[in-house]
Amino acid sequence: MNSLAVFLGMIGGWQIVLIVAVVLLMFGGKKIPELMRGLGSGIKEFKDATQDQVNNNQSKK
């Protein structure tokens, strides 16, 4: 079983629609692209850091 599905409790389509609606109400349409850019850059930094760690471990062997 997918660990994300277990973590989220097998959410369905209506729950996703409700979550999206709540996020739109909380942040508004103009703020969401800025939040997604920040999330994307954070994920990119995390991936770069993990790749650097893997490269360091491989070079030590």
PDB file of N, CA and C in Angstrom:
ATOM      1  N   MET A   1       0.846  -1.181   0.000  1.00  0.00           N
ATOM      2  CA  MET A   1       0.000   0.000   0.000  1.00  0.00           C
ATOM      3  C   MET A   1       0.889   1.240   0.000  1.00  0.00           C
ATOM      4  N   ASN A   2       0.465   2.235  -0.693  1.00  0.00           N
ATOM      5  CA  ASN A   2       1.209   3.480  -0.803  1.00  0.00           C
ATOM      6  C   ASN A   2       1.257   4.177   0.560  1.00  0.00           C
ATOM      7  N   SER A   3       2.435   4.552   1.009  1.00  0.00           N
ATOM      8  CA  SER A   3       2.571   5.174   2.329  1.00  0.00           C
ATOM      9  C   SER A   3       1.874   6.525   2.390  1.00  0.00           C
ATOM     10  N   LEU A   4       1.826   7.252   1.265  1.00  0.00           N
ATOM     11  CA  LEU A   4       1.121   8.539   1.251  1.00  0.00           C
ATOM     12  C   LEU A   4      -0.370   8.321   1.443  1.00  0.00           C
ATOM     13  N   ALA A   5      -0.913   7.291   0.827  1.00  0.00           N
ATOM     14  CA  ALA A   5      -2.331   6.990   0.980  1.00  0.00           C
ATOM     15  C   ALA A   5      -2.651   6.614   2.422  1.00  0.00           C
ATOM     16  N   VAL A   6      -1.771   5.880   3.060  1.00  0.00           N
ATOM     17  CA  VAL A   6      -1.975   5.515   4.460  1.00  0.00           C
ATOM     18  C   VAL A   6      -1.901   6.754   5.332  1.00  0.00           C
ATOM     19  N   PHE A   7      -0.923   7.621   5.050  1.00  0.00           N
ATOM     20  CA  PHE A   7      -0.750   8.836   5.844  1.00  0.00           C
ATOM     21  C   PHE A   7      -1.965   9.749   5.721  1.00  0.00           C
ATOM     22  N   LEU A   8      -2.498   9.884   4.529  1.00  0.00           N
ATOM     23  CA  LEU A   8      -3.631  10.776   4.306  1.00  0.00           C
ATOM     24  C   LEU A   8      -4.969  10.107   4.582  1.00  0.00           C
ATOM     25  N   GLY A   9      -4.977   8.831   4.885  1.00  0.00           N
ATOM     26  CA  GLY A   9      -6.216   8.160   5.222  1.00  0.00           C
ATOM     27  C   GLY A   9      -7.108   7.925   4.025  1.00  0.00           C
ATOM     28  N   MET A  10      -6.524   7.680   2.858  1.00  0.00           N
ATOM     29  CA  MET A  10      -7.279   7.371   1.645  1.00  0.00           C
ATOM     30  C   MET A  10      -8.291   8.474   1.314  1.00  0.00           C
ATOM     31  N   ILE A  11      -7.811   9.693   1.170  1.00  0.00           N
ATOM     32  CA  ILE A  11      -8.708  10.799   0.863  1.00  0.00           C
ATOM     33  C   ILE A  11      -9.262  10.635  -0.543  1.00  0.00           C
ATOM     34  N   GLY A  12     -10.475  11.105  -0.734  1.00  0.00           N
ATOM     35  CA  GLY A  12     -11.143  10.987  -2.022  1.00  0.00           C
ATOM     36  C   GLY A  12     -11.178  12.314  -2.755  1.00  0.00           C
ATOM     37  N   GLY A  13     -11.910  12.324  -3.840  1.00  0.00           N
ATOM     38  CA  GLY A  13     -12.004  13.508  -4.688  1.00  0.00           C
ATOM     39  C   GLY A  13     -12.638  14.702  -3.992  1.00  0.00           C
ATOM     40  N   TRP A  14     -13.716  14.460  -3.241  1.00  0.00           N
ATOM     41  CA  TRP A  14     -14.396  15.570  -2.575  1.00  0.00           C
ATOM     42  C   TRP A  14     -13.530  16.192  -1.487  1.00  0.00           C
ATOM     43  N   GLN A  15     -12.747  15.386  -0.817  1.00  0.00           N
ATOM     44  CA  GLN A  15     -11.862  15.926   0.211  1.00  0.00           C
ATOM     45  C   GLN A  15     -10.786  16.808  -0.411  1.00  0.00           C
ATOM     46  N   ILE A  16     -10.268  16.408  -1.559  1.00  0.00           N
ATOM     47  CA  ILE A  16      -9.265  17.226  -2.246  1.00  0.00           C
ATOM     48  C   ILE A  16      -9.874  18.546  -2.691  1.00  0.00           C
ATOM     49  N   VAL A  17     -11.097  18.500  -3.227  1.00  0.00           N
ATOM     50  CA  VAL A  17     -11.782  19.730  -3.643  1.00  0.00           C
ATOM     51  C   VAL A  17     -11.988  20.641  -2.446  1.00  0.00           C
ATOM     52  N   LEU A  18     -12.369  20.085  -1.321  1.00  0.00           N
ATOM     53  CA  LEU A  18     -12.581  20.877  -0.107  1.00  0.00           C
ATOM     54  C   LEU A  18     -11.279  21.508   0.371  1.00  0.00           C
ATOM     55  N   ILE A  19     -10.188  20.766   0.335  1.00  0.00           N
ATOM     56  CA  ILE A  19      -8.888  21.301   0.752  1.00  0.00           C
ATOM     57  C   ILE A  19      -8.462  22.438  -0.159  1.00  0.00           C
ATOM     58  N   VAL A  20      -8.625  22.266  -1.468  1.00  0.00           N
ATOM     59  CA  VAL A  20      -8.264  23.322  -2.423  1.00  0.00           C
ATOM     60  C   VAL A  20      -9.113  24.563  -2.185  1.00  0.00           C
ATOM     61  N   ALA A  21     -10.404  24.386  -1.925  1.00  0.00           N
ATOM     62  CA  ALA A  21     -11.284  25.528  -1.669  1.00  0.00           C
ATOM     63  C   ALA A  21     -10.864  26.275  -0.406  1.00  0.00           C
ATOM     64  N   VAL A  22     -10.509  25.548   0.638  1.00  0.00           N
ATOM     65  CA  VAL A  22     -10.080  26.187   1.888  1.00  0.00           C
ATOM     66  C   VAL A  22      -8.783  26.955   1.672  1.00  0.00           C
ATOM     67  N   VAL A  23      -7.850  26.372   0.925  1.00  0.00           N
ATOM     68  CA  VAL A  23      -6.582  27.055   0.649  1.00  0.00           C
ATOM     69  C   VAL A  23      -6.835  28.326  -0.149  1.00  0.00           C
ATOM     70  N   LEU A  24      -7.717  28.263  -1.141  1.00  0.00           N
ATOM     71  CA  LEU A  24      -8.045  29.456  -1.925  1.00  0.00           C
ATOM     72  C   LEU A  24      -8.668  30.537  -1.054  1.00  0.00           C
ATOM     73  N   LEU A  25      -9.541  30.141  -0.141  1.00  0.00           N
ATOM     74  CA  LEU A  25     -10.163  31.123   0.745  1.00  0.00           C
ATOM     75  C   LEU A  25      -9.156  31.740   1.708  1.00  0.00           C
ATOM     76  N   MET A  26      -8.218  30.930   2.192  1.00  0.00           N
ATOM     77  CA  MET A  26      -7.252  31.428   3.168  1.00  0.00           C
ATOM     78  C   MET A  26      -6.218  32.355   2.537  1.00  0.00           C
ATOM     79  N   PHE A  27      -5.704  31.989   1.381  1.00  0.00           N
ATOM     80  CA  PHE A  27      -4.586  32.723   0.809  1.00  0.00           C
ATOM     81  C   PHE A  27      -4.961  33.599  -0.370  1.00  0.00           C
ATOM     82  N   GLY A  28      -6.059  33.334  -1.014  1.00  0.00           N
ATOM     83  CA  GLY A  28      -6.441  34.107  -2.185  1.00  0.00           C
ATOM     84  C   GLY A  28      -5.678  33.653  -3.418  1.00  0.00           C
ATOM     85  N   GLY A  29      -6.182  34.020  -4.576  1.00  0.00           N
ATOM     86  CA  GLY A  29      -5.599  33.576  -5.834  1.00  0.00           C
ATOM     87  C   GLY A  29      -4.239  34.167  -6.131  1.00  0.00           C
ATOM     88  N   LYS A  30      -3.962  35.365  -5.642  1.00  0.00           N
ATOM     89  CA  LYS A  30      -2.693  36.030  -5.966  1.00  0.00           C
ATOM     90  C   LYS A  30      -1.529  35.495  -5.137  1.00  0.00           C
ATOM     91  N   LYS A  31      -1.803  35.005  -3.956  1.00  0.00           N
ATOM     92  CA  LYS A  31      -0.743  34.560  -3.051  1.00  0.00           C
ATOM     93  C   LYS A  31      -0.276  33.138  -3.349  1.00  0.00           C
ATOM     94  N   ILE A  32      -1.129  32.320  -3.940  1.00  0.00           N
ATOM     95  CA  ILE A  32      -0.806  30.907  -4.158  1.00  0.00           C
ATOM     96  C   ILE A  32       0.401  30.704  -5.070  1.00  0.00           C
ATOM     97  N   PRO A  33       0.528  31.409  -6.220  1.00  0.00           N
ATOM     98  CA  PRO A  33       1.737  31.203  -7.036  1.00  0.00           C
ATOM     99  C   PRO A  33       3.029  31.516  -6.282  1.00  0.00           C
ATOM    100  N   GLU A  34       2.985  32.535  -5.441  1.00  0.00           N
ATOM    101  CA  GLU A  34       4.165  32.879  -4.639  1.00  0.00           C
ATOM    102  C   GLU A  34       4.486  31.761  -3.648  1.00  0.00           C
ATOM    103  N   LEU A  35       3.464  31.195  -3.030  1.00  0.00           N
ATOM    104  CA  LEU A  35       3.672  30.086  -2.102  1.00  0.00           C
ATOM    105  C   LEU A  35       4.234  28.865  -2.821  1.00  0.00           C
ATOM    106  N   MET A  36       3.733  28.590  -4.020  1.00  0.00           N
ATOM    107  CA  MET A  36       4.217  27.433  -4.782  1.00  0.00           C
ATOM    108  C   MET A  36       5.661  27.628  -5.233  1.00  0.00           C
ATOM    109  N   ARG A  37       6.027  28.868  -5.602  1.00  0.00           N
ATOM    110  CA  ARG A  37       7.420  29.154  -5.965  1.00  0.00           C
ATOM    111  C   ARG A  37       8.339  28.896  -4.776  1.00  0.00           C
ATOM    112  N   GLY A  38       7.917  29.348  -3.609  1.00  0.00           N
ATOM    113  CA  GLY A  38       8.708  29.115  -2.402  1.00  0.00           C
ATOM    114  C   GLY A  38       8.824  27.636  -2.079  1.00  0.00           C
ATOM    115  N   LEU A  39       7.735  26.909  -2.241  1.00  0.00           N
ATOM    116  CA  LEU A  39       7.760  25.468  -2.003  1.00  0.00           C
ATOM    117  C   LEU A  39       8.680  24.775  -3.000  1.00  0.00           C
ATOM    118  N   GLY A  40       8.606  25.176  -4.256  1.00  0.00           N
ATOM    119  CA  GLY A  40       9.461  24.587  -5.288  1.00  0.00           C
ATOM    120  C   GLY A  40      10.930  24.848  -5.043  1.00  0.00           C
ATOM    121  N   SER A  41      11.253  26.067  -4.641  1.00  0.00           N
ATOM    122  CA  SER A  41      12.665  26.375  -4.375  1.00  0.00           C
ATOM    123  C   SER A  41      13.159  25.625  -3.138  1.00  0.00           C
ATOM    124  N   GLY A  42      12.301  25.436  -2.159  1.00  0.00           N
ATOM    125  CA  GLY A  42      12.680  24.659  -0.981  1.00  0.00           C
ATOM    126  C   GLY A  42      12.939  23.202  -1.325  1.00  0.00           C
ATOM    127  N   ILE A  43      12.093  22.635  -2.175  1.00  0.00           N
ATOM    128  CA  ILE A  43      12.290  21.251  -2.609  1.00  0.00           C
ATOM    129  C   ILE A  43      13.572  21.125  -3.410  1.00  0.00           C
ATOM    130  N   LYS A  44      13.850  22.114  -4.277  1.00  0.00           N
ATOM    131  CA  LYS A  44      15.070  22.086  -5.091  1.00  0.00           C
ATOM    132  C   LYS A  44      16.307  22.142  -4.200  1.00  0.00           C
ATOM    133  N   GLU A  45      16.296  23.007  -3.193  1.00  0.00           N
ATOM    134  CA  GLU A  45      17.425  23.092  -2.269  1.00  0.00           C
ATOM    135  C   GLU A  45      17.619  21.777  -1.512  1.00  0.00           C
ATOM    136  N   PHE A  46      16.519  21.161  -1.104  1.00  0.00           N
ATOM    137  CA  PHE A  46      16.602  19.884  -0.395  1.00  0.00           C
ATOM    138  C   PHE A  46      17.204  18.808  -1.287  1.00  0.00           C
ATOM    139  N   LYS A  47      16.750  18.732  -2.531  1.00  0.00           N
ATOM    140  CA  LYS A  47      17.292  17.733  -3.463  1.00  0.00           C
ATOM    141  C   LYS A  47      18.767  17.981  -3.737  1.00  0.00           C
ATOM    142  N   ASP A  48      19.151  19.256  -3.904  1.00  0.00           N
ATOM    143  CA  ASP A  48      20.561  19.577  -4.128  1.00  0.00           C
ATOM    144  C   ASP A  48      21.414  19.159  -2.934  1.00  0.00           C
ATOM    145  N   ALA A  49      20.913  19.408  -1.732  1.00  0.00           N
ATOM    146  CA  ALA A  49      21.668  19.052  -0.529  1.00  0.00           C
ATOM    147  C   ALA A  49      21.806  17.539  -0.400  1.00  0.00           C
ATOM    148  N   THR A  50      20.739  16.808  -0.692  1.00  0.00           N
ATOM    149  CA  THR A  50      20.837  15.353  -0.607  1.00  0.00           C
ATOM    150  C   THR A  50      21.766  14.806  -1.684  1.00  0.00           C
ATOM    151  N   GLN A  51      21.755  15.403  -2.870  1.00  0.00           N
ATOM    152  CA  GLN A  51      22.654  14.952  -3.932  1.00  0.00           C
ATOM    153  C   GLN A  51      24.108  15.238  -3.561  1.00  0.00           C
ATOM    154  N   ASP A  52      24.368  16.399  -2.954  1.00  0.00           N
ATOM    155  CA  ASP A  52      25.718  16.713  -2.490  1.00  0.00           C
ATOM    156  C   ASP A  52      26.181  15.697  -1.451  1.00  0.00           C
ATOM    157  N   GLN A  53      25.270  15.316  -0.561  1.00  0.00           N
ATOM    158  CA  GLN A  53      25.606  14.333   0.473  1.00  0.00           C
ATOM    159  C   GLN A  53      25.932  12.984  -0.159  1.00  0.00           C
ATOM    160  N   VAL A  54      25.159  12.582  -1.147  1.00  0.00           N
ATOM    161  CA  VAL A  54      25.415  11.311  -1.836  1.00  0.00           C
ATOM    162  C   VAL A  54      26.758  11.374  -2.545  1.00  0.00           C
ATOM    163  N   ASN A  55      27.047  12.488  -3.212  1.00  0.00           N
ATOM    164  CA  ASN A  55      28.326  12.639  -3.909  1.00  0.00           C
ATOM    165  C   ASN A  55      29.497  12.596  -2.935  1.00  0.00           C
ATOM    166  N   ASN A  56      29.348  13.229  -1.773  1.00  0.00           N
ATOM    167  CA  ASN A  56      30.405  13.206  -0.759  1.00  0.00           C
ATOM    168  C   ASN A  56      30.637  11.788  -0.245  1.00  0.00           C
ATOM    169  N   ASN A  57      29.560  11.049  -0.028  1.00  0.00           N
ATOM    170  CA  ASN A  57      29.691   9.674   0.455  1.00  0.00           C
ATOM    171  C   ASN A  57      30.350   8.785  -0.590  1.00  0.00           C
ATOM    172  N   GLN A  58      30.037   8.998  -1.862  1.00  0.00           N
ATOM    173  CA  GLN A  58      30.628   8.182  -2.921  1.00  0.00           C
ATOM    174  C   GLN A  58      32.100   8.512  -3.119  1.00  0.00           C
ATOM    175  N   SER A  59      32.472   9.775  -2.936  1.00  0.00           N
ATOM    176  CA  SER A  59      33.873  10.148  -3.126  1.00  0.00           C
ATOM    177  C   SER A  59      34.756   9.643  -1.980  1.00  0.00           C
ATOM    178  N   LYS A  60      34.180   9.418  -0.808  1.00  0.00           N
ATOM    179  CA  LYS A  60      34.945   8.922   0.337  1.00  0.00           C
ATOM    180  C   LYS A  60      35.249   7.437   0.220  1.00  0.00           C
ATOM    181  N   LYS A  61      34.500   6.711  -0.602  1.00  0.00           N
ATOM    182  CA  LYS A  61      34.702   5.256  -0.724  1.00  0.00           C
ATOM    183  C   LYS A  61      35.862   4.927  -1.599  1.00  0.00           C
TER     184      LYS A  61
END
